[in-house]
Protein backbone atom coordinates (compact mmCIF):
# COMPACT_ATOMS: atom_id res chain seq x y z
CA UNK A 1 73.64 312.82 89.23
CA UNK A 2 73.13 310.35 92.17
CA UNK A 3 76.66 308.92 92.09
CA UNK A 4 77.73 313.36 92.43
CA UNK A 5 75.45 313.12 95.22
CA UNK A 6 76.83 310.33 97.34
CA UNK A 7 80.79 311.57 96.68
CA UNK A 8 79.90 315.40 98.11
CA UNK A 9 80.36 314.48 101.52
CA UNK A 10 83.52 312.82 101.64
CA UNK A 11 85.09 314.76 99.23
CA UNK A 12 84.35 318.05 100.99
CA UNK A 13 85.64 316.29 104.51
CA UNK A 14 88.87 315.58 102.22
CA UNK A 15 88.78 319.21 101.15
CA UNK A 16 88.44 320.24 104.91
CA UNK A 17 91.53 318.63 105.90
CA UNK A 18 93.63 319.64 102.61
CA UNK A 19 92.99 323.28 102.69
CA UNK A 20 95.52 323.62 106.31
CA UNK A 21 97.41 320.82 105.33
CA UNK A 22 98.35 322.81 101.78
CA UNK A 23 99.23 325.91 104.04
CA UNK A 24 101.41 324.25 106.63
CA UNK A 25 103.12 322.30 103.70
CA UNK A 26 104.19 325.66 102.23
CA UNK A 27 104.67 327.08 106.30
CA UNK A 28 106.82 323.93 106.44
CA UNK A 29 108.25 322.28 102.30
CA UNK A 30 109.96 320.53 104.41
CA UNK A 31 107.64 317.90 105.71
CA UNK A 32 105.30 318.87 103.08
CA UNK A 33 100.84 319.02 102.63
CA UNK A 34 100.86 315.43 102.06
CA UNK A 35 102.21 314.10 105.12
CA UNK A 36 100.50 316.75 107.01
CA UNK A 37 97.31 315.69 105.34
CA UNK A 38 97.76 311.87 105.89
CA UNK A 39 98.01 312.41 109.65
CA UNK A 40 95.09 314.46 110.01
CA UNK A 41 93.05 312.14 108.08
CA UNK A 42 94.28 309.57 110.65
CA UNK A 43 93.54 311.23 113.68
CA UNK A 44 90.12 311.75 112.22
CA UNK A 45 89.81 308.78 111.33
CA UNK A 46 90.05 307.60 115.00
CA UNK A 47 87.40 309.68 116.07
CA UNK A 48 85.16 309.42 112.86
CA UNK A 49 83.45 306.03 113.83
CA UNK A 50 81.09 306.45 111.36
CA UNK A 51 82.36 306.52 107.77
CA UNK A 52 79.70 305.48 105.50
CA UNK A 53 78.03 308.61 104.65
CA UNK A 54 81.41 310.06 103.50
CA UNK A 55 83.18 307.33 101.96
CA UNK A 56 81.86 307.31 98.46
CA UNK A 57 83.47 310.09 98.02
CA UNK A 58 86.39 309.59 100.16
CA UNK A 59 86.97 306.63 97.56
CA UNK A 60 86.73 308.50 95.16
CA UNK A 61 89.25 311.06 96.51
CA UNK A 62 92.29 308.70 97.22
CA UNK A 63 91.84 306.96 93.74
CA UNK A 64 90.79 309.09 90.73
CA UNK A 65 92.00 312.70 92.11
CA UNK A 66 95.41 311.14 92.91
CA UNK A 67 94.96 309.84 88.99
CA UNK A 68 94.59 313.45 87.70
CA UNK A 69 96.85 314.78 90.33
CA UNK A 70 99.67 312.47 88.26
CA UNK A 71 98.57 314.23 85.02
CA UNK A 72 98.82 317.32 86.01
CA UNK A 73 102.16 317.04 87.22
CA UNK A 74 103.23 316.27 83.56
CA UNK A 75 102.82 320.43 83.16
CA UNK A 76 105.96 320.70 85.44
CA UNK A 77 108.12 318.72 83.15
CA UNK A 78 110.25 320.44 79.80
CA UNK A 79 111.27 317.74 78.08
CA UNK A 80 114.36 320.31 76.13
CA UNK A 81 115.54 321.02 79.58
CA UNK A 82 115.68 318.32 80.69
CA UNK A 83 117.15 316.20 77.18
CA UNK A 84 120.36 318.58 78.25
CA UNK A 85 120.88 317.66 81.37
CA UNK A 86 119.86 314.08 81.19
CA UNK A 87 122.79 313.08 79.47
CA UNK A 88 125.01 313.46 82.01
CA UNK A 89 123.34 312.52 84.59
CA UNK A 90 120.83 309.56 83.18
CA UNK A 91 123.82 306.95 84.18
CA UNK A 92 123.64 307.88 87.59
CA UNK A 93 119.59 307.78 87.75
CA UNK A 94 119.72 304.90 86.47
CA UNK A 95 121.91 302.58 88.73
CA UNK A 96 120.05 304.67 91.44
CA UNK A 97 116.91 303.83 89.87
CA UNK A 98 118.42 299.74 89.47
CA UNK A 99 119.98 299.60 93.09
CA UNK A 100 116.62 300.60 95.10
CA UNK A 101 113.96 298.19 93.49
CA UNK A 102 117.39 295.35 93.99
CA UNK A 103 117.28 296.26 97.12
CA UNK A 104 113.01 296.68 98.02
CA UNK A 105 112.99 293.12 95.80
CA UNK A 106 116.19 291.37 97.83
CA UNK A 107 114.34 292.42 101.19
CA UNK A 108 110.64 291.55 100.04
CA UNK A 109 111.83 288.33 100.00
CA UNK A 110 114.23 287.54 103.19
CA UNK A 111 111.71 289.47 105.51
CA UNK A 112 108.48 288.65 103.98
CA UNK A 113 107.32 292.06 103.56
CA UNK A 114 104.16 292.55 101.60
CA UNK A 115 104.77 292.28 97.82
CA UNK A 116 102.73 296.35 97.45
CA UNK A 117 104.58 297.84 99.81
CA UNK A 118 107.85 297.27 98.63
CA UNK A 119 107.32 297.77 95.61
CA UNK A 120 105.80 301.16 96.31
CA UNK A 121 108.82 301.80 99.28
CA UNK A 122 110.97 300.79 96.12
CA UNK A 123 109.96 303.24 93.60
CA UNK A 124 109.20 306.02 96.16
CA UNK A 125 112.75 306.03 96.92
CA UNK A 126 114.37 305.49 93.67
CA UNK A 127 111.94 307.85 91.41
CA UNK A 128 110.10 310.82 93.22
CA UNK A 129 108.39 310.28 96.73
CA UNK A 130 105.21 310.91 96.80
CA UNK A 131 104.54 311.47 93.19
CA UNK A 132 105.51 307.75 92.05
CA UNK A 133 103.68 306.13 94.60
CA UNK A 134 100.97 308.51 93.29
CA UNK A 135 101.68 306.73 90.08
CA UNK A 136 102.37 303.41 90.97
CA UNK A 137 99.04 302.70 93.48
CA UNK A 138 96.64 302.42 91.53
CA UNK A 139 98.57 299.91 88.59
CA UNK A 140 99.64 297.41 91.68
CA UNK A 141 96.18 297.90 93.34
CA UNK A 142 97.94 298.94 96.33
CA UNK A 143 95.08 299.68 99.14
CA UNK A 144 95.01 302.98 101.26
CA UNK A 145 96.99 302.15 104.07
CA UNK A 146 100.00 300.19 101.96
CA UNK A 147 99.81 303.83 100.37
CA UNK A 148 99.73 305.61 103.64
CA UNK A 149 102.78 303.23 105.37
CA UNK A 150 104.73 304.10 102.54
CA UNK A 151 104.35 307.81 102.21
CA UNK A 152 105.63 307.53 105.82
CA UNK A 153 108.47 305.42 105.32
CA UNK A 154 109.84 308.27 101.98
CA UNK A 155 108.38 311.47 104.22
CA UNK A 156 111.58 310.01 107.08
CA UNK A 157 114.04 309.69 105.01
CA UNK A 158 112.68 313.23 102.90
CA UNK A 159 113.54 314.78 106.07
CA UNK A 160 117.15 313.23 106.82
CA UNK A 161 118.36 313.93 103.63
CA UNK A 162 117.37 317.14 104.14
CA UNK A 163 119.22 318.01 107.06
CA UNK A 164 122.05 315.78 106.32
CA UNK A 165 123.23 315.89 102.71
CA UNK A 166 124.63 319.86 102.78
CA UNK A 167 126.97 319.15 105.40
CA UNK A 168 127.61 315.28 104.17
CA UNK A 169 128.20 317.30 100.59
CA UNK A 170 130.74 319.94 102.45
CA UNK A 171 132.54 317.27 104.18
CA UNK A 172 133.14 315.24 100.72
CA UNK A 173 134.16 319.11 99.06
CA UNK A 174 131.71 318.54 96.21
CA UNK A 175 131.42 321.02 93.85
CA UNK A 176 128.61 322.83 93.21
CA UNK A 177 127.82 320.79 90.27
CA UNK A 178 128.33 317.36 91.87
CA UNK A 179 126.29 318.36 94.65
CA UNK A 180 123.07 319.53 92.43
CA UNK A 181 124.18 316.22 90.89
CA UNK A 182 123.97 314.53 93.94
CA UNK A 183 120.70 316.10 95.60
CA UNK A 184 119.03 315.30 92.43
CA UNK A 185 119.40 311.37 92.25
CA UNK A 186 119.72 310.64 95.76
CA UNK A 187 116.79 312.63 97.27
CA UNK A 188 113.77 311.22 96.50
CA UNK A 189 111.02 314.06 97.10
CA UNK A 190 111.24 316.76 95.06
CA UNK A 191 110.36 318.83 98.06
CA UNK A 192 113.23 317.64 99.98
CA UNK A 193 115.63 318.17 97.13
CA UNK A 194 114.64 321.96 96.79
CA UNK A 195 115.12 322.31 100.60
CA UNK A 196 118.47 320.11 100.77
CA UNK A 197 119.88 322.36 97.37
CA UNK A 198 118.04 325.70 98.83
CA UNK A 199 120.20 325.33 101.94
CA UNK A 200 123.80 324.62 99.75
CA UNK A 201 123.19 327.46 97.93
CA UNK A 202 122.42 329.11 100.93
CA UNK A 203 125.67 328.43 102.94
CA UNK A 204 127.88 328.72 99.58
CA UNK A 205 126.38 331.65 98.20
CA UNK A 206 125.70 330.52 94.84
CA UNK A 207 122.75 332.73 94.23
CA UNK A 208 120.39 329.42 93.33
CA UNK A 209 122.69 327.44 90.67
CA UNK A 210 122.22 324.53 92.89
CA UNK A 211 118.71 324.75 92.63
CA UNK A 212 117.83 325.06 89.52
CA UNK A 213 120.55 321.94 88.57
CA UNK A 214 119.04 319.99 91.44
CA UNK A 215 115.43 320.23 90.08
CA UNK A 216 116.12 319.55 86.29
CA UNK A 217 117.48 316.19 87.33
CA UNK A 218 115.02 315.45 89.47
CA UNK A 219 112.55 316.21 86.79
CA UNK A 220 114.54 313.51 84.68
CA UNK A 221 114.63 310.79 87.62
CA UNK A 222 110.73 311.58 87.09
CA UNK A 223 110.32 310.65 83.89
CA UNK A 224 111.32 306.97 85.27
CA UNK A 225 107.32 306.77 85.95
CA UNK A 226 106.62 306.43 82.31
CA UNK A 227 108.89 303.12 82.12
CA UNK A 228 108.04 301.51 85.74
CA UNK A 229 104.56 301.70 85.47
CA UNK A 230 104.27 300.39 82.24
CA UNK A 231 106.38 297.56 83.33
CA UNK A 232 104.40 297.02 86.56
CA UNK A 233 101.00 297.42 84.67
CA UNK A 234 102.07 294.56 81.92
CA UNK A 235 103.64 292.13 85.19
CA UNK A 236 100.30 292.54 86.84
CA UNK A 237 98.53 291.52 83.70
CA UNK A 238 101.20 288.05 82.85
CA UNK A 239 100.48 287.26 86.56
CA UNK A 240 96.60 287.80 85.67
CA UNK A 241 96.96 285.37 82.70
CA UNK A 242 99.08 282.90 84.98
CA UNK A 243 95.97 282.19 87.46
CA UNK A 244 93.06 283.30 85.30
CA UNK A 245 93.80 282.13 81.68
CA UNK A 246 93.95 284.55 78.62
CA UNK A 247 90.84 285.66 78.76
CA UNK A 248 91.34 286.58 81.98
CA UNK A 249 94.39 288.57 81.71
CA UNK A 250 93.04 290.58 78.59
CA UNK A 251 90.62 292.13 80.65
CA UNK A 252 92.86 292.89 83.42
CA UNK A 253 95.14 294.35 81.05
CA UNK A 254 92.38 296.88 80.46
CA UNK A 255 91.40 297.09 84.10
CA UNK A 256 95.56 297.84 84.65
CA UNK A 257 96.84 299.39 81.86
CA UNK A 258 97.84 303.06 83.54
CA UNK A 259 95.99 305.23 80.28
CA UNK A 260 96.50 308.50 82.61
CA UNK A 261 100.13 308.00 82.55
CA UNK A 262 99.58 308.61 78.83
CA UNK A 263 97.90 312.28 79.99
CA UNK A 264 100.93 312.75 81.92
CA UNK A 265 102.90 312.36 78.93
CA UNK A 266 101.11 314.48 76.65
CA UNK A 267 100.71 316.88 79.41
CA UNK A 268 104.44 316.86 79.61
CA UNK A 269 104.58 317.05 75.30
CA UNK A 270 102.25 320.07 75.87
CA UNK A 271 104.71 322.43 77.85
CA UNK A 272 107.49 321.48 75.69
CA UNK A 273 105.94 322.30 72.55
CA UNK A 274 104.38 325.98 73.65
CA UNK A 275 107.65 326.59 75.67
CA UNK A 276 109.89 326.20 72.16
CA UNK A 277 107.20 328.05 70.65
CA UNK A 278 108.23 330.86 72.99
CA UNK A 279 105.17 330.92 75.14
CA UNK A 280 105.95 331.68 78.85
CA UNK A 281 106.52 328.53 81.32
CA UNK A 282 104.91 330.90 84.18
CA UNK A 283 101.42 329.87 82.25
CA UNK A 284 101.63 326.17 83.08
CA UNK A 285 102.55 327.12 86.96
CA UNK A 286 98.38 326.77 88.12
CA UNK A 287 98.62 323.51 86.62
CA UNK A 288 101.73 322.42 88.75
CA UNK A 289 100.23 324.21 92.21
CA UNK A 290 96.76 322.49 90.87
CA UNK A 291 98.70 319.15 90.78
CA UNK A 292 100.06 319.77 94.52
CA UNK A 293 97.02 319.84 95.98
CA UNK A 294 95.48 317.20 94.41
CA UNK A 295 98.47 314.69 95.46
CA UNK A 296 98.05 316.78 99.31
CA UNK A 297 93.71 315.72 98.99
CA UNK A 298 93.55 312.54 97.47
CA UNK A 299 96.36 312.28 100.63
CA UNK A 300 93.86 313.28 103.33
CA UNK A 301 91.36 310.78 102.01
CA UNK A 302 93.96 307.96 102.04
CA UNK A 303 94.37 308.86 105.98
CA UNK A 304 91.10 308.53 106.85
CA UNK A 305 91.16 305.31 104.94
CA UNK A 306 94.13 304.39 107.15
CA UNK A 307 94.10 302.72 110.53
CA UNK A 308 96.67 304.29 112.78
CA UNK A 309 97.46 301.92 115.30
CA UNK A 310 97.18 298.50 112.46
CA UNK A 311 100.06 301.21 110.90
CA UNK A 312 102.10 301.54 113.92
CA UNK A 313 102.42 298.45 115.03
CA UNK A 314 103.53 297.07 111.54
CA UNK A 315 105.53 299.74 110.42
CA UNK A 316 109.09 298.16 111.78
CA UNK A 317 110.28 296.10 108.95
CA UNK A 318 109.04 298.74 105.59
CA UNK A 319 110.86 301.29 107.73
CA UNK A 320 114.10 298.91 107.50
CA UNK A 321 113.32 298.57 103.81
CA UNK A 322 113.09 302.22 103.14
CA UNK A 323 116.65 302.91 105.24
CA UNK A 324 118.21 299.94 103.59
CA UNK A 325 116.91 301.89 99.73
CA UNK A 326 117.94 305.45 101.00
CA UNK A 327 121.55 303.85 101.83
CA UNK A 328 121.46 301.97 98.68
CA UNK A 329 120.99 305.13 96.77
CA UNK A 330 123.43 307.50 98.65
CA UNK A 331 126.18 304.98 98.56
CA UNK A 332 125.17 304.55 94.62
CA UNK A 333 125.18 308.16 93.76
CA UNK A 334 128.19 309.13 95.46
CA UNK A 335 130.61 306.04 93.74
CA UNK A 336 128.53 306.61 89.86
CA UNK A 337 129.96 310.53 90.31
CA UNK A 338 132.81 309.39 91.61
CA UNK A 339 133.62 307.13 88.75
CA UNK A 340 132.59 309.70 86.60
CA UNK A 341 134.66 312.60 87.98
CA UNK A 342 131.84 314.62 88.77
CA UNK A 343 132.37 315.19 92.48
């Protein structure tokens, strides 16, 4: 009971920021609620000098609520639909994810970018933006400033992709199916995939066909959260064993293993089973919306824990990494589609 009392003020403060951020995100989906929440949180953190009363709730929201958001995200994944499209898109998805992670790793070494930021930018660029960062951050022990910086980098290239990719696809003479595959594999955040695909549908009068195809490809990419987080968890365990012995490594495994990912998978299985049994997929829509709101709520908490001035000063190298990952993913996606005759 005492713990609940301590978390309530901070949770309410995050909620106060999350509601307008959610509304702004719906009005401007190309930017998205999570970005508004981080920005509002960072601005308020400059004004709120004494956060001791709110800190327990802010910490709970930035950690636990973020994990609950990932679990609820699973209700948006129908594995049977993904299987239909996945066979065609899987080689491209694997190639783009590999390219992004390799680029992030090399730049981490060459430019001495902190390991957690490198991992979050690489994973966020290659899989699904903020959702992938939300799933990965607890596993690698990233702090709130690292999460905020990574989200900010991802946001910048989300905007560029949503604005530029429809024109790029038109200039390359892409088919509707080719652009759907391109948007689903080369744009990192679901909101920006939706924006880019919807723009294409409007320009080419496809009645939402490209949006539907791009969304399913994007959801297929989202499944990569599972192996990536598991690999990172065991990597953290291996590092702990090297530094602290077998006993320390065993304890570390329990600490870093992303058990919430198991519930994410379970939610996906429930959605798939219910849909195959004839249930209306719309029954899972409230869970999907709650997942989005939980991410916004957690981003508000992360913004409150972030030093805006220090973030701006240290942002150059991560932005360069994000640009390189974005360019690599775009180039690899186009090259793979060309080689597979899908453009």
